[in-house]
């Protein structure tokens, strides 16, 4: 199960995974700090080349090729 989960996560956009981990680690902070970290992480992920690739791949009905940028 862990290996299957690791493979599924490895296929996702590296920028988004980094943002998720950043937000999860920040969740232990004060709620206001955690919200700021989450907003920053979302902004970085949404502005990435991987985000644009994900949208383009979805619209073109193809598998995305993420670069980690």
Protein backbone atom coordinates (compact mmCIF):
# COMPACT_ATOMS: atom_id res chain seq x y z
CA UNK A 1 0.00 0.00 0.00
CA UNK A 2 2.78 2.42 0.90
CA UNK A 3 4.62 1.69 -2.35
CA UNK A 4 1.46 2.27 -4.40
CA UNK A 5 0.88 5.55 -2.59
CA UNK A 6 4.50 6.62 -3.15
CA UNK A 7 4.23 5.87 -6.87
CA UNK A 8 0.98 7.84 -7.11
CA UNK A 9 2.53 10.82 -5.33
CA UNK A 10 5.67 10.65 -7.49
CA UNK A 11 3.51 11.13 -10.59
CA UNK A 12 2.10 14.41 -9.25
CA UNK A 13 3.52 17.89 -9.75
CA UNK A 14 6.61 18.37 -7.54
CA UNK A 15 5.77 22.03 -6.92
CA UNK A 16 2.30 21.12 -5.64
CA UNK A 17 3.67 18.35 -3.42
CA UNK A 18 6.19 20.76 -1.91
CA UNK A 19 3.41 23.25 -1.24
CA UNK A 20 1.27 20.57 0.41
CA UNK A 21 4.11 19.44 2.67
CA UNK A 22 4.87 23.06 3.58
CA UNK A 23 1.23 23.66 4.54
CA UNK A 24 0.96 20.38 6.49
CA UNK A 25 4.06 21.15 8.53
CA UNK A 26 2.76 24.66 9.18
CA UNK A 27 -0.57 23.35 10.43
CA UNK A 28 0.98 22.83 13.87
CA UNK A 29 1.55 26.57 14.15
CA UNK A 30 -0.89 29.18 15.34
CA UNK A 31 -3.96 29.13 13.06
CA UNK A 32 -3.22 32.60 11.68
CA UNK A 33 0.36 31.59 10.79
CA UNK A 34 -0.86 28.35 9.24
CA UNK A 35 -3.33 30.25 7.03
CA UNK A 36 -0.59 32.58 5.83
CA UNK A 37 1.70 29.65 5.00
CA UNK A 38 -1.14 27.90 3.15
CA UNK A 39 -1.92 31.03 1.11
CA UNK A 40 1.75 31.49 0.21
CA UNK A 41 2.12 27.84 -0.78
CA UNK A 42 -1.01 28.00 -2.93
CA UNK A 43 0.21 31.17 -4.65
CA UNK A 44 3.56 29.62 -5.49
CA UNK A 45 1.99 26.41 -6.78
CA UNK A 46 -0.67 28.21 -8.82
CA UNK A 47 1.93 30.44 -10.49
CA UNK A 48 4.21 27.54 -11.46
CA UNK A 49 4.93 26.11 -14.88
CA UNK A 50 3.64 22.78 -13.53
CA UNK A 51 0.24 24.37 -12.86
CA UNK A 52 0.07 25.64 -16.43
CA UNK A 53 1.12 22.21 -17.71
CA UNK A 54 -1.55 20.52 -15.60
CA UNK A 55 -4.30 22.76 -16.97
CA UNK A 56 -3.06 22.40 -20.54
CA UNK A 57 -2.86 18.61 -20.23
CA UNK A 58 -6.37 18.48 -18.80
CA UNK A 59 -7.80 20.61 -21.61
CA UNK A 60 -5.92 18.59 -24.23
CA UNK A 61 -6.99 15.30 -22.56
CA UNK A 62 -3.43 14.03 -22.14
CA UNK A 63 -1.16 12.99 -19.30
CA UNK A 64 0.79 15.96 -17.91
CA UNK A 65 4.57 16.08 -17.96
CA UNK A 66 5.66 17.91 -14.83
CA UNK A 67 9.12 19.48 -14.59
CA UNK A 68 9.18 20.73 -11.01
CA UNK A 69 9.20 24.37 -12.09
